[in-house]
C-alpha atoms as a PDB file:
ATOM      1  CA  UNK A   1     -13.582  10.111 -18.905  1.00  0.00           C
ATOM      2  CA  UNK A   2     -12.718   6.476 -18.180  1.00  0.00           C
ATOM      3  CA  UNK A   3      -9.103   5.945 -17.145  1.00  0.00           C
ATOM      4  CA  UNK A   4      -7.370   2.720 -18.095  1.00  0.00           C
ATOM      5  CA  UNK A   5      -6.109   0.329 -15.449  1.00  0.00           C
ATOM      6  CA  UNK A   6      -2.339   0.588 -14.975  1.00  0.00           C
ATOM      7  CA  UNK A   7      -0.074  -2.429 -14.498  1.00  0.00           C
ATOM      8  CA  UNK A   8       1.715  -2.430 -11.122  1.00  0.00           C
ATOM      9  CA  UNK A   9       3.416  -5.818 -11.310  1.00  0.00           C
ATOM     10  CA  UNK A  10       2.901  -9.476 -12.116  1.00  0.00           C
ATOM     11  CA  UNK A  11       1.083 -11.580  -9.512  1.00  0.00           C
ATOM     12  CA  UNK A  12       4.126 -13.730  -8.781  1.00  0.00           C
ATOM     13  CA  UNK A  13       6.069 -10.676  -7.591  1.00  0.00           C
ATOM     14  CA  UNK A  14       3.891 -10.346  -4.469  1.00  0.00           C
ATOM     15  CA  UNK A  15       4.245 -13.156  -1.945  1.00  0.00           C
ATOM     16  CA  UNK A  16       1.981 -13.396   1.085  1.00  0.00           C
ATOM     17  CA  UNK A  17       3.583 -11.287   3.846  1.00  0.00           C
ATOM     18  CA  UNK A  18       6.602 -10.641   1.638  1.00  0.00           C
ATOM     19  CA  UNK A  19       8.088  -7.503   0.121  1.00  0.00           C
ATOM     20  CA  UNK A  20       5.695  -5.059  -1.457  1.00  0.00           C
ATOM     21  CA  UNK A  21       5.899  -3.269  -4.773  1.00  0.00           C
ATOM     22  CA  UNK A  22       6.174   0.499  -4.874  1.00  0.00           C
ATOM     23  CA  UNK A  23       4.441   2.588  -7.530  1.00  0.00           C
ATOM     24  CA  UNK A  24       3.270   6.180  -7.886  1.00  0.00           C
ATOM     25  CA  UNK A  25      -0.105   7.783  -8.468  1.00  0.00           C
ATOM     26  CA  UNK A  26      -1.040  11.317  -9.408  1.00  0.00           C
ATOM     27  CA  UNK A  27      -3.036  13.001  -6.665  1.00  0.00           C
ATOM     28  CA  UNK A  28      -3.928  16.703  -6.662  1.00  0.00           C
ATOM     29  CA  UNK A  29      -1.558  17.273  -9.562  1.00  0.00           C
ATOM     30  CA  UNK A  30       1.520  15.744  -7.929  1.00  0.00           C
ATOM     31  CA  UNK A  31       3.125  12.318  -7.876  1.00  0.00           C
ATOM     32  CA  UNK A  32       2.433  10.429  -4.646  1.00  0.00           C
ATOM     33  CA  UNK A  33       4.223   7.250  -3.527  1.00  0.00           C
ATOM     34  CA  UNK A  34       2.119   4.123  -3.089  1.00  0.00           C
ATOM     35  CA  UNK A  35       2.659   0.420  -2.478  1.00  0.00           C
ATOM     36  CA  UNK A  36       0.941  -2.926  -2.950  1.00  0.00           C
ATOM     37  CA  UNK A  37       1.292  -6.013  -0.726  1.00  0.00           C
ATOM     38  CA  UNK A  38      -0.247  -9.459  -0.577  1.00  0.00           C
ATOM     39  CA  UNK A  39      -1.872 -10.562   2.688  1.00  0.00           C
ATOM     40  CA  UNK A  40      -3.885 -13.747   3.229  1.00  0.00           C
ATOM     41  CA  UNK A  41      -3.921 -14.341  -0.510  1.00  0.00           C
ATOM     42  CA  UNK A  42      -5.322 -10.938  -1.483  1.00  0.00           C
ATOM     43  CA  UNK A  43      -3.631  -7.827  -2.823  1.00  0.00           C
ATOM     44  CA  UNK A  44      -4.024  -4.487  -1.058  1.00  0.00           C
ATOM     45  CA  UNK A  45      -2.604  -1.079  -1.969  1.00  0.00           C
ATOM     46  CA  UNK A  46      -2.171   2.151  -0.023  1.00  0.00           C
ATOM     47  CA  UNK A  47      -0.545   5.540  -0.282  1.00  0.00           C
ATOM     48  CA  UNK A  48       2.943   5.133   1.166  1.00  0.00           C
ATOM     49  CA  UNK A  49       2.283   7.703   3.881  1.00  0.00           C
ATOM     50  CA  UNK A  50       2.056   7.154   7.622  1.00  0.00           C
ATOM     51  CA  UNK A  51      -1.110   8.535   9.213  1.00  0.00           C
ATOM     52  CA  UNK A  52       0.916  10.051  12.082  1.00  0.00           C
ATOM     53  CA  UNK A  53       3.464  12.028  10.043  1.00  0.00           C
ATOM     54  CA  UNK A  54       3.339  12.037   6.230  1.00  0.00           C
ATOM     55  CA  UNK A  55       6.504   9.954   5.724  1.00  0.00           C
ATOM     56  CA  UNK A  56       6.968   6.706   3.831  1.00  0.00           C
ATOM     57  CA  UNK A  57       6.478   3.475   5.768  1.00  0.00           C
ATOM     58  CA  UNK A  58       9.026   1.016   4.379  1.00  0.00           C
ATOM     59  CA  UNK A  59      11.959   0.313   6.683  1.00  0.00           C
ATOM     60  CA  UNK A  60      14.001  -1.122   3.790  1.00  0.00           C
ATOM     61  CA  UNK A  61      13.091  -0.746   0.118  1.00  0.00           C
ATOM     62  CA  UNK A  62       9.759  -2.545  -0.391  1.00  0.00           C
ATOM     63  CA  UNK A  63       9.655  -3.908   3.193  1.00  0.00           C
ATOM     64  CA  UNK A  64       6.343  -2.932   4.779  1.00  0.00           C
ATOM     65  CA  UNK A  65       5.534  -5.861   7.085  1.00  0.00           C
ATOM     66  CA  UNK A  66       6.812  -6.208  10.642  1.00  0.00           C
ATOM     67  CA  UNK A  67       8.826  -9.299  11.650  1.00  0.00           C
ATOM     68  CA  UNK A  68       5.644 -11.324  12.274  1.00  0.00           C
ATOM     69  CA  UNK A  69       4.405 -10.657   8.694  1.00  0.00           C
ATOM     70  CA  UNK A  70       0.989  -9.865  10.205  1.00  0.00           C
ATOM     71  CA  UNK A  71       1.100  -6.044  10.396  1.00  0.00           C
ATOM     72  CA  UNK A  72       2.259  -3.170   8.235  1.00  0.00           C
ATOM     73  CA  UNK A  73       4.656  -1.017  10.245  1.00  0.00           C
ATOM     74  CA  UNK A  74       5.913   2.544   9.979  1.00  0.00           C
ATOM     75  CA  UNK A  75       9.703   2.426  10.094  1.00  0.00           C
ATOM     76  CA  UNK A  76       9.990   5.805  11.821  1.00  0.00           C
ATOM     77  CA  UNK A  77       7.668   5.576  14.816  1.00  0.00           C
ATOM     78  CA  UNK A  78       6.465   1.947  14.811  1.00  0.00           C
ATOM     79  CA  UNK A  79       2.782   2.578  14.118  1.00  0.00           C
ATOM     80  CA  UNK A  80       1.029  -0.677  13.193  1.00  0.00           C
ATOM     81  CA  UNK A  81      -1.612  -1.003  10.497  1.00  0.00           C
ATOM     82  CA  UNK A  82      -3.865  -3.802   9.277  1.00  0.00           C
ATOM     83  CA  UNK A  83      -2.754  -5.013   5.840  1.00  0.00           C
ATOM     84  CA  UNK A  84      -6.372  -5.928   5.045  1.00  0.00           C
ATOM     85  CA  UNK A  85      -7.918  -2.474   5.459  1.00  0.00           C
ATOM     86  CA  UNK A  86      -5.178  -0.032   6.523  1.00  0.00           C
ATOM     87  CA  UNK A  87      -6.742   0.609   9.928  1.00  0.00           C
ATOM     88  CA  UNK A  88      -4.533   1.791  12.788  1.00  0.00           C
ATOM     89  CA  UNK A  89      -3.837  -1.049  15.223  1.00  0.00           C
ATOM     90  CA  UNK A  90      -1.416   0.692  17.566  1.00  0.00           C
ATOM     91  CA  UNK A  91       1.242   3.323  17.970  1.00  0.00           C
ATOM     92  CA  UNK A  92       1.256   6.965  17.039  1.00  0.00           C
ATOM     93  CA  UNK A  93      -1.312   6.648  14.246  1.00  0.00           C
ATOM     94  CA  UNK A  94      -3.908   7.459  16.957  1.00  0.00           C
ATOM     95  CA  UNK A  95      -6.817   5.774  15.198  1.00  0.00           C
ATOM     96  CA  UNK A  96      -6.014   7.188  11.755  1.00  0.00           C
ATOM     97  CA  UNK A  97      -5.409   4.576   9.088  1.00  0.00           C
ATOM     98  CA  UNK A  98      -3.674   4.291   5.764  1.00  0.00           C
ATOM     99  CA  UNK A  99      -5.465   5.548   2.666  1.00  0.00           C
ATOM    100  CA  UNK A 100      -6.388   2.604   0.415  1.00  0.00           C
ATOM    101  CA  UNK A 101      -6.042   2.603  -3.349  1.00  0.00           C
ATOM    102  CA  UNK A 102      -8.142   0.443  -5.685  1.00  0.00           C
ATOM    103  CA  UNK A 103      -6.299  -2.501  -7.201  1.00  0.00           C
ATOM    104  CA  UNK A 104      -7.384  -5.560  -9.101  1.00  0.00           C
ATOM    105  CA  UNK A 105      -5.680  -8.870  -9.753  1.00  0.00           C
ATOM    106  CA  UNK A 106      -6.505 -10.575 -13.039  1.00  0.00           C
ATOM    107  CA  UNK A 107      -4.795 -12.735 -15.652  1.00  0.00           C
ATOM    108  CA  UNK A 108      -1.616 -13.055 -13.586  1.00  0.00           C
ATOM    109  CA  UNK A 109      -1.115  -9.339 -13.060  1.00  0.00           C
ATOM    110  CA  UNK A 110      -1.981  -6.619 -10.543  1.00  0.00           C
ATOM    111  CA  UNK A 111      -3.449  -3.348 -11.756  1.00  0.00           C
ATOM    112  CA  UNK A 112      -4.063   0.036 -10.163  1.00  0.00           C
ATOM    113  CA  UNK A 113      -7.582   1.249 -11.010  1.00  0.00           C
ATOM    114  CA  UNK A 114      -7.443   5.046 -11.403  1.00  0.00           C
ATOM    115  CA  UNK A 115     -10.299   7.336 -10.462  1.00  0.00           C
ATOM    116  CA  UNK A 116     -11.117  10.996 -10.949  1.00  0.00           C
ATOM    117  CA  UNK A 117      -9.064  11.780  -7.802  1.00  0.00           C
ATOM    118  CA  UNK A 118      -6.060   9.580  -8.594  1.00  0.00           C
ATOM    119  CA  UNK A 119      -4.408   8.451 -11.780  1.00  0.00           C
END
């Protein structure tokens, strides 16, 4: 079964290093929080779950970047992640990164691309 791409937001809603957009995906039969951000001109999306403790990252609604706008940061323990691939860059994530989600930007919009594991 082919699942249709799902609109997350319009391209103009994601500014480089700016606020992200939250959305949800179905994973293992439950709704899971996720987010999309723009970094160095590209859009990236991840489950909104710290690798250290499964809590949401944003320190204010839709705020995922640290003050430098270079790293994603966990509001609870300060773990730092690469916006480009979700890898752990420091803190309590202990080498465990964020789980990426497939997204695509086309025709002025950003879409989540569901799979058999997520929808």
